[in-house]
N, C-alpha and C. Protein backbone atom coordinates (compact mmCIF):
# COMPACT_ATOMS: atom_id res chain seq x y z
N MET A 1 13.94 106.04 115.22
CA MET A 1 15.06 105.25 115.62
C MET A 1 16.03 105.01 114.47
N ASN A 2 15.44 104.81 113.33
CA ASN A 2 16.23 104.61 112.14
C ASN A 2 17.08 105.85 111.86
N LEU A 3 16.49 106.98 112.06
CA LEU A 3 17.19 108.22 111.83
C LEU A 3 18.33 108.39 112.84
N LEU A 4 18.06 107.97 114.07
CA LEU A 4 19.07 108.05 115.11
C LEU A 4 20.24 107.13 114.79
N ARG A 5 19.94 105.90 114.32
CA ARG A 5 21.01 104.96 113.93
C ARG A 5 21.81 105.53 112.77
N GLN A 6 21.09 106.09 111.84
CA GLN A 6 21.78 106.68 110.69
C GLN A 6 22.67 107.84 111.13
N GLY A 7 22.19 108.63 112.05
CA GLY A 7 22.96 109.76 112.57
C GLY A 7 24.20 109.28 113.30
N LEU A 8 24.01 108.24 114.19
CA LEU A 8 25.15 107.68 114.91
C LEU A 8 26.15 107.04 113.95
N PHE A 9 25.61 106.35 112.96
CA PHE A 9 26.47 105.74 111.94
C PHE A 9 27.26 106.82 111.20
N ALA A 10 26.60 107.91 110.85
CA ALA A 10 27.26 109.01 110.14
C ALA A 10 28.34 109.63 111.01
N ILE A 11 28.04 109.80 112.31
CA ILE A 11 29.02 110.38 113.24
C ILE A 11 30.21 109.42 113.38
N ALA A 12 29.92 108.12 113.54
CA ALA A 12 30.99 107.12 113.66
C ALA A 12 31.82 107.09 112.38
N LEU A 13 31.13 107.14 111.23
CA LEU A 13 31.85 107.14 109.96
C LEU A 13 32.70 108.39 109.82
N PHE A 14 32.13 109.53 110.17
CA PHE A 14 32.87 110.80 110.09
C PHE A 14 34.08 110.76 111.03
N GLY A 15 33.88 110.23 112.24
CA GLY A 15 34.98 110.12 113.21
C GLY A 15 36.07 109.20 112.71
N SER A 16 35.65 108.09 112.12
CA SER A 16 36.63 107.15 111.57
C SER A 16 37.41 107.78 110.42
N LEU A 17 36.67 108.47 109.56
CA LEU A 17 37.35 109.14 108.44
C LEU A 17 38.30 110.23 108.94
N TRP A 18 37.86 110.96 109.94
CA TRP A 18 38.72 112.02 110.51
C TRP A 18 39.97 111.40 111.12
N ARG A 19 39.80 110.32 111.86
CA ARG A 19 40.94 109.63 112.48
C ARG A 19 41.88 109.09 111.40
N TYR A 20 41.32 108.49 110.37
CA TYR A 20 42.11 107.97 109.25
C TYR A 20 42.88 109.12 108.59
N HIS A 21 42.21 110.23 108.37
CA HIS A 21 42.84 111.40 107.74
C HIS A 21 44.00 111.91 108.61
N THR A 22 43.77 111.99 109.93
CA THR A 22 44.79 112.50 110.85
C THR A 22 46.01 111.58 110.85
N ILE A 23 45.77 110.28 110.95
CA ILE A 23 46.88 109.32 110.97
C ILE A 23 47.62 109.35 109.63
N THR A 24 46.88 109.36 108.54
CA THR A 24 47.49 109.40 107.22
C THR A 24 48.28 110.69 107.02
N SER A 25 47.72 111.79 107.48
CA SER A 25 48.39 113.09 107.35
C SER A 25 49.71 113.08 108.10
N HIS A 26 49.74 112.52 109.33
CA HIS A 26 50.98 112.42 110.10
C HIS A 26 51.99 111.52 109.41
N ARG A 27 51.49 110.42 108.87
CA ARG A 27 52.39 109.50 108.17
C ARG A 27 52.99 110.17 106.93
N ILE A 28 52.17 110.93 106.23
CA ILE A 28 52.67 111.64 105.04
C ILE A 28 53.71 112.67 105.44
N LYS A 29 53.43 113.41 106.53
CA LYS A 29 54.40 114.41 107.00
C LYS A 29 55.70 113.74 107.41
N ASP A 30 55.61 112.62 108.13
CA ASP A 30 56.81 111.88 108.54
C ASP A 30 57.57 111.36 107.32
N ALA A 31 56.83 110.84 106.36
CA ALA A 31 57.46 110.33 105.14
C ALA A 31 58.12 111.47 104.37
N ASP A 32 57.45 112.62 104.31
CA ASP A 32 58.04 113.80 103.65
C ASP A 32 59.32 114.24 104.35
N ALA A 33 59.27 114.25 105.68
CA ALA A 33 60.46 114.65 106.44
C ALA A 33 61.61 113.68 106.20
N ARG A 34 61.30 112.37 106.21
CA ARG A 34 62.35 111.37 105.96
C ARG A 34 62.89 111.51 104.53
N ALA A 35 62.00 111.76 103.59
CA ALA A 35 62.42 111.94 102.19
C ALA A 35 63.30 113.18 102.06
N PHE A 36 62.91 114.26 102.71
CA PHE A 36 63.70 115.50 102.66
C PHE A 36 65.09 115.25 103.25
N THR A 37 65.14 114.56 104.40
CA THR A 37 66.42 114.24 105.04
C THR A 37 67.27 113.35 104.13
N ALA A 38 66.65 112.36 103.52
CA ALA A 38 67.38 111.45 102.63
C ALA A 38 67.91 112.20 101.41
N GLU A 39 67.10 113.11 100.87
CA GLU A 39 67.55 113.89 99.72
C GLU A 39 68.72 114.78 100.11
N ALA A 40 68.65 115.39 101.30
CA ALA A 40 69.75 116.24 101.77
C ALA A 40 71.02 115.42 101.95
N GLN A 41 70.87 114.22 102.53
CA GLN A 41 72.04 113.35 102.71
C GLN A 41 72.61 112.93 101.36
N ALA A 42 71.74 112.65 100.41
CA ALA A 42 72.20 112.26 99.07
C ALA A 42 72.96 113.41 98.43
N ARG A 43 72.43 114.64 98.57
CA ARG A 43 73.14 115.80 98.00
C ARG A 43 74.51 115.98 98.65
N ASP A 44 74.56 115.79 99.98
CA ASP A 44 75.83 115.90 100.69
C ASP A 44 76.82 114.85 100.20
N LEU A 45 76.34 113.62 100.04
CA LEU A 45 77.21 112.54 99.57
C LEU A 45 77.69 112.79 98.14
N VAL A 46 76.81 113.30 97.30
CA VAL A 46 77.21 113.64 95.92
C VAL A 46 78.28 114.72 95.95
N GLY A 47 78.08 115.72 96.82
CA GLY A 47 79.08 116.79 96.95
C GLY A 47 80.41 116.27 97.45
N GLU A 48 80.36 115.38 98.45
CA GLU A 48 81.60 114.80 98.98
C GLU A 48 82.30 113.96 97.92
N LEU A 49 81.53 113.20 97.16
CA LEU A 49 82.10 112.38 96.09
C LEU A 49 82.74 113.26 95.03
N ALA A 50 82.05 114.33 94.66
CA ALA A 50 82.60 115.26 93.67
C ALA A 50 83.88 115.90 94.19
N ALA A 51 83.87 116.30 95.46
CA ALA A 51 85.07 116.91 96.05
C ALA A 51 86.22 115.91 96.07
N GLN A 52 85.91 114.65 96.39
CA GLN A 52 86.96 113.64 96.42
C GLN A 52 87.53 113.42 95.02
N LYS A 53 86.64 113.33 94.03
CA LYS A 53 87.11 113.15 92.65
C LYS A 53 87.92 114.36 92.20
N ASP A 54 87.44 115.58 92.54
CA ASP A 54 88.18 116.78 92.19
C ASP A 54 89.52 116.81 92.90
N GLY A 55 89.52 116.38 94.18
CA GLY A 55 90.76 116.33 94.94
C GLY A 55 91.77 115.37 94.32
N GLU A 56 91.28 114.21 93.90
CA GLU A 56 92.16 113.24 93.24
C GLU A 56 92.69 113.80 91.92
N ARG A 57 91.81 114.48 91.18
CA ARG A 57 92.22 115.08 89.91
C ARG A 57 93.28 116.15 90.16
N ILE A 58 93.08 116.97 91.21
CA ILE A 58 94.04 118.03 91.52
C ILE A 58 95.38 117.44 91.91
N VAL A 59 95.37 116.39 92.73
CA VAL A 59 96.63 115.76 93.15
C VAL A 59 97.34 115.17 91.94
N THR A 60 96.59 114.50 91.08
CA THR A 60 97.19 113.92 89.87
C THR A 60 97.81 115.00 88.99
N GLN A 61 97.07 116.09 88.79
CA GLN A 61 97.59 117.19 87.98
C GLN A 61 98.85 117.77 88.63
N TYR A 62 98.83 117.93 89.96
CA TYR A 62 99.98 118.47 90.68
C TYR A 62 101.20 117.58 90.49
N VAL A 63 101.02 116.28 90.68
CA VAL A 63 102.13 115.34 90.54
C VAL A 63 102.68 115.40 89.11
N ASP A 64 101.77 115.45 88.14
CA ASP A 64 102.21 115.53 86.74
C ASP A 64 102.98 116.81 86.47
N ARG A 65 102.45 117.94 86.96
CA ARG A 65 103.11 119.23 86.70
C ARG A 65 104.48 119.30 87.38
N VAL A 66 104.57 118.78 88.61
CA VAL A 66 105.86 118.80 89.32
C VAL A 66 106.85 117.90 88.61
N GLN A 67 106.39 116.77 88.10
CA GLN A 67 107.28 115.88 87.36
C GLN A 67 107.80 116.59 86.11
N ILE A 68 106.94 117.30 85.42
CA ILE A 68 107.37 118.05 84.23
C ILE A 68 108.38 119.12 84.62
N VAL A 69 108.12 119.84 85.72
CA VAL A 69 109.06 120.86 86.20
C VAL A 69 110.42 120.24 86.50
N ARG A 70 110.40 119.12 87.21
CA ARG A 70 111.68 118.45 87.56
C ARG A 70 112.41 117.96 86.31
N GLU A 71 111.68 117.41 85.35
CA GLU A 71 112.30 116.94 84.11
C GLU A 71 112.91 118.11 83.34
N LYS A 72 112.19 119.21 83.26
CA LYS A 72 112.75 120.40 82.58
C LYS A 72 114.00 120.88 83.30
N GLY A 73 113.95 120.88 84.64
CA GLY A 73 115.11 121.30 85.41
C GLY A 73 116.31 120.42 85.14
N GLN A 74 116.09 119.11 85.06
CA GLN A 74 117.19 118.19 84.76
C GLN A 74 117.74 118.43 83.35
N SER A 75 116.84 118.70 82.41
CA SER A 75 117.28 118.98 81.03
C SER A 75 118.11 120.24 80.97
N ILE A 76 117.68 121.27 81.70
CA ILE A 76 118.45 122.52 81.73
C ILE A 76 119.78 122.30 82.42
N LEU A 77 119.78 121.53 83.52
CA LEU A 77 121.02 121.26 84.24
C LEU A 77 122.04 120.55 83.36
N GLN A 78 121.57 119.67 82.49
CA GLN A 78 122.48 118.98 81.57
C GLN A 78 123.10 119.94 80.56
N LYS A 79 122.48 121.09 80.35
CA LYS A 79 123.00 122.08 79.39
C LYS A 79 124.04 123.01 80.01
N VAL A 80 124.24 122.93 81.33
CA VAL A 80 125.20 123.83 81.98
C VAL A 80 126.58 123.76 81.31
N PRO A 81 127.15 122.57 81.05
CA PRO A 81 128.47 122.54 80.41
C PRO A 81 128.48 123.15 79.01
N VAL A 82 127.32 123.15 78.34
CA VAL A 82 127.24 123.73 77.01
C VAL A 82 127.28 125.26 77.10
N TYR A 83 126.53 125.81 78.06
CA TYR A 83 126.43 127.27 78.18
C TYR A 83 127.52 127.87 79.07
N VAL A 84 128.07 127.05 79.98
CA VAL A 84 129.17 127.50 80.83
C VAL A 84 130.29 126.47 80.71
N PRO A 85 131.07 126.57 79.63
CA PRO A 85 132.12 125.57 79.39
C PRO A 85 133.30 125.73 80.35
N ALA A 86 134.20 124.77 80.30
CA ALA A 86 135.38 124.78 81.17
C ALA A 86 136.20 126.05 80.97
N SER A 87 136.21 126.58 79.75
CA SER A 87 136.97 127.82 79.51
C SER A 87 136.37 128.98 80.30
N ALA A 88 135.02 128.98 80.48
CA ALA A 88 134.38 130.04 81.28
C ALA A 88 134.71 129.83 82.75
N ASP A 89 134.76 128.57 83.18
CA ASP A 89 135.16 128.29 84.56
C ASP A 89 136.56 128.82 84.83
N ALA A 90 137.47 128.61 83.88
CA ALA A 90 138.86 129.06 84.05
C ALA A 90 138.97 130.58 84.00
N ALA A 91 138.14 131.21 83.19
CA ALA A 91 138.24 132.66 83.01
C ALA A 91 137.54 133.45 84.12
N CYS A 92 136.63 132.83 84.84
CA CYS A 92 135.83 133.56 85.83
C CYS A 92 136.13 133.06 87.23
N VAL A 93 136.55 133.95 88.07
CA VAL A 93 136.78 133.61 89.47
C VAL A 93 135.54 134.03 90.24
N VAL A 94 134.93 133.06 90.91
CA VAL A 94 133.75 133.37 91.72
C VAL A 94 134.25 133.76 93.11
N PRO A 95 133.97 135.01 93.50
CA PRO A 95 134.50 135.47 94.80
C PRO A 95 133.76 134.83 95.98
N ALA A 96 134.48 134.72 97.08
CA ALA A 96 133.91 134.14 98.30
C ALA A 96 132.70 134.95 98.77
N GLY A 97 132.74 136.26 98.56
CA GLY A 97 131.62 137.11 98.97
C GLY A 97 130.34 136.75 98.22
N PHE A 98 130.48 136.41 96.93
CA PHE A 98 129.30 135.99 96.15
C PHE A 98 128.71 134.72 96.73
N VAL A 99 129.58 133.77 97.06
CA VAL A 99 129.12 132.49 97.62
C VAL A 99 128.44 132.74 98.96
N ARG A 100 129.05 133.58 99.81
CA ARG A 100 128.44 133.88 101.12
C ARG A 100 127.09 134.57 100.96
N LEU A 101 127.02 135.52 100.02
CA LEU A 101 125.77 136.24 99.78
C LEU A 101 124.69 135.29 99.24
N HIS A 102 125.06 134.44 98.32
CA HIS A 102 124.11 133.47 97.77
C HIS A 102 123.62 132.53 98.86
N ASP A 103 124.53 132.00 99.66
CA ASP A 103 124.14 131.07 100.72
C ASP A 103 123.26 131.75 101.77
N ALA A 104 123.57 133.01 102.09
CA ALA A 104 122.75 133.75 103.05
C ALA A 104 121.35 133.97 102.49
N ALA A 105 121.25 134.31 101.22
CA ALA A 105 119.94 134.50 100.60
C ALA A 105 119.15 133.19 100.58
N ALA A 106 119.83 132.09 100.30
CA ALA A 106 119.17 130.78 100.28
C ALA A 106 118.65 130.41 101.66
N ALA A 107 119.36 130.84 102.71
CA ALA A 107 118.96 130.54 104.08
C ALA A 107 118.06 131.63 104.66
N SER A 108 117.79 132.68 103.89
CA SER A 108 117.01 133.83 104.35
C SER A 108 117.63 134.43 105.61
N ALA A 109 118.94 134.60 105.54
CA ALA A 109 119.69 135.16 106.67
C ALA A 109 120.54 136.32 106.16
N MET A 110 120.86 137.20 107.06
CA MET A 110 121.75 138.31 106.69
C MET A 110 123.16 137.75 106.49
N PRO A 111 123.84 138.21 105.43
CA PRO A 111 125.21 137.72 105.20
C PRO A 111 126.18 138.32 106.21
N ASP A 112 127.34 137.67 106.29
CA ASP A 112 128.40 138.20 107.16
C ASP A 112 128.77 139.60 106.69
N ARG A 113 129.50 140.29 107.55
CA ARG A 113 129.93 141.63 107.19
C ARG A 113 130.87 141.59 105.98
N PRO A 114 130.75 142.57 105.09
CA PRO A 114 131.67 142.59 103.95
C PRO A 114 133.09 142.90 104.42
N GLY A 115 134.04 142.43 103.66
CA GLY A 115 135.43 142.68 104.00
C GLY A 115 136.33 142.21 102.88
N ALA A 116 137.62 142.32 103.10
CA ALA A 116 138.61 141.95 102.10
C ALA A 116 138.53 140.47 101.78
N ALA A 117 138.16 139.64 102.73
CA ALA A 117 138.11 138.20 102.50
C ALA A 117 137.04 137.84 101.47
N ASN A 118 136.04 138.69 101.31
CA ASN A 118 134.98 138.41 100.34
C ASN A 118 135.47 138.52 98.90
N ALA A 119 136.54 139.23 98.67
CA ALA A 119 137.05 139.39 97.32
C ALA A 119 137.91 138.21 96.87
N GLN A 120 138.33 137.38 97.80
CA GLN A 120 139.17 136.24 97.46
C GLN A 120 138.39 135.20 96.67
N ALA A 121 139.13 134.40 95.92
CA ALA A 121 138.51 133.33 95.13
C ALA A 121 137.90 132.30 96.08
N SER A 122 136.74 131.85 95.72
CA SER A 122 136.03 130.88 96.57
C SER A 122 136.41 129.44 96.26
N GLY A 123 136.93 129.20 95.07
CA GLY A 123 137.22 127.84 94.64
C GLY A 123 135.98 127.17 94.04
N VAL A 124 134.89 127.91 93.94
CA VAL A 124 133.67 127.39 93.34
C VAL A 124 133.68 127.77 91.86
N ALA A 125 133.47 126.79 91.01
CA ALA A 125 133.48 127.04 89.57
C ALA A 125 132.19 127.74 89.15
N LEU A 126 132.28 128.54 88.10
CA LEU A 126 131.11 129.24 87.56
C LEU A 126 130.04 128.24 87.13
N SER A 127 130.44 127.11 86.60
CA SER A 127 129.48 126.08 86.19
C SER A 127 128.73 125.52 87.41
N ALA A 128 129.41 125.43 88.56
CA ALA A 128 128.74 124.97 89.79
C ALA A 128 127.71 126.00 90.24
N VAL A 129 128.04 127.28 90.08
CA VAL A 129 127.09 128.34 90.40
C VAL A 129 125.86 128.21 89.50
N ALA A 130 126.09 128.00 88.22
CA ALA A 130 124.97 127.85 87.28
C ALA A 130 124.12 126.64 87.65
N GLY A 131 124.76 125.54 88.00
CA GLY A 131 124.01 124.35 88.41
C GLY A 131 123.17 124.60 89.65
N THR A 132 123.72 125.33 90.62
CA THR A 132 122.98 125.66 91.83
C THR A 132 121.79 126.55 91.52
N VAL A 133 121.99 127.51 90.64
CA VAL A 133 120.90 128.41 90.26
C VAL A 133 119.79 127.62 89.56
N VAL A 134 120.15 126.70 88.67
CA VAL A 134 119.15 125.87 87.98
C VAL A 134 118.38 125.03 89.01
N ASP A 135 119.09 124.42 89.94
CA ASP A 135 118.41 123.63 90.99
C ASP A 135 117.46 124.50 91.81
N ASN A 136 117.93 125.69 92.17
CA ASN A 136 117.10 126.58 92.98
C ASN A 136 115.82 126.99 92.23
N TYR A 137 115.96 127.34 90.96
CA TYR A 137 114.77 127.73 90.19
C TYR A 137 113.84 126.54 89.96
N THR A 138 114.40 125.36 89.77
CA THR A 138 113.57 124.17 89.61
C THR A 138 112.75 123.93 90.88
N THR A 139 113.39 124.04 92.03
CA THR A 139 112.68 123.89 93.30
C THR A 139 111.62 124.98 93.45
N CYS A 140 111.95 126.19 93.08
CA CYS A 140 110.99 127.30 93.15
C CYS A 140 109.76 127.01 92.30
N HIS A 141 109.96 126.54 91.09
CA HIS A 141 108.83 126.24 90.20
C HIS A 141 108.01 125.06 90.73
N ALA A 142 108.67 124.07 91.33
CA ALA A 142 107.95 122.93 91.90
C ALA A 142 107.08 123.40 93.07
N ILE A 143 107.61 124.29 93.90
CA ILE A 143 106.84 124.82 95.03
C ILE A 143 105.68 125.67 94.52
N ALA A 144 105.90 126.42 93.45
CA ALA A 144 104.81 127.20 92.85
C ALA A 144 103.69 126.29 92.38
N GLU A 145 104.02 125.17 91.77
CA GLU A 145 103.00 124.21 91.34
C GLU A 145 102.27 123.63 92.54
N GLN A 146 103.00 123.39 93.62
CA GLN A 146 102.38 122.88 94.84
C GLN A 146 101.38 123.91 95.38
N LEU A 147 101.74 125.16 95.37
CA LEU A 147 100.85 126.22 95.85
C LEU A 147 99.62 126.34 94.96
N ILE A 148 99.80 126.26 93.66
CA ILE A 148 98.67 126.32 92.73
C ILE A 148 97.71 125.15 93.01
N ALA A 149 98.27 123.96 93.22
CA ALA A 149 97.43 122.79 93.50
C ALA A 149 96.69 122.96 94.82
N LEU A 150 97.37 123.50 95.83
CA LEU A 150 96.73 123.73 97.12
C LEU A 150 95.59 124.75 96.98
N GLN A 151 95.82 125.81 96.22
CA GLN A 151 94.76 126.79 95.99
C GLN A 151 93.58 126.16 95.26
N ASP A 152 93.85 125.32 94.28
CA ASP A 152 92.77 124.62 93.56
C ASP A 152 92.00 123.72 94.52
N TRP A 153 92.72 122.98 95.36
CA TRP A 153 92.08 122.08 96.31
C TRP A 153 91.18 122.85 97.28
N VAL A 154 91.67 123.98 97.79
CA VAL A 154 90.87 124.80 98.71
C VAL A 154 89.65 125.34 98.00
N ARG A 155 89.82 125.81 96.76
CA ARG A 155 88.70 126.34 95.99
C ARG A 155 87.62 125.27 95.78
N VAL A 156 88.02 124.07 95.43
CA VAL A 156 87.07 122.97 95.18
C VAL A 156 86.38 122.58 96.48
N ASN A 157 87.14 122.45 97.57
CA ASN A 157 86.55 122.00 98.82
C ASN A 157 85.70 123.07 99.50
N SER A 158 86.02 124.33 99.28
CA SER A 158 85.17 125.38 99.84
C SER A 158 83.87 125.49 99.04
N ARG A 159 83.91 125.18 97.75
CA ARG A 159 82.73 125.20 96.91
C ARG A 159 81.78 124.06 97.27
N ASN A 160 82.32 122.92 97.67
CA ASN A 160 81.50 121.75 97.99
C ASN A 160 81.14 121.65 99.47
N SER A 161 81.57 122.63 100.27
CA SER A 161 81.25 122.61 101.70
C SER A 161 79.82 123.10 101.90
N PRO A 162 79.19 122.60 102.98
CA PRO A 162 77.81 123.05 103.26
C PRO A 162 77.78 124.49 103.71
């Protein structure tokens, strides 16, 4: 009888240990799964934070670069009277055809048909043409900086995407 009790006790103990092991094993697996999910979420959040910081850095750099471009453009524009003085304005007649061609190019449109009227004086001073060219190039350089910043932003955000 003693042996039977010991056997039943051993079976009960083994069953209890097996049940404890099974429950503990499931809890460990659940805890591992939750930990894995939490780690993945943390990595995603770190990536998003890095992308946001990089995005802010890119925007700041863009704003700074465009401001520098605009300031340089203004400095160059102030030099127009030095490089194209009033005597050059008086000596150079800007033809109407040049103005029409320039305006058409600025609008990305085909110019009017050429003719005798294009050879007439436009009344636009050479210094005004120089000022317009400086403004156009300043805008071009500002847009180039915008494109560079956009490319940087896309590069950073595609790198941090899942």
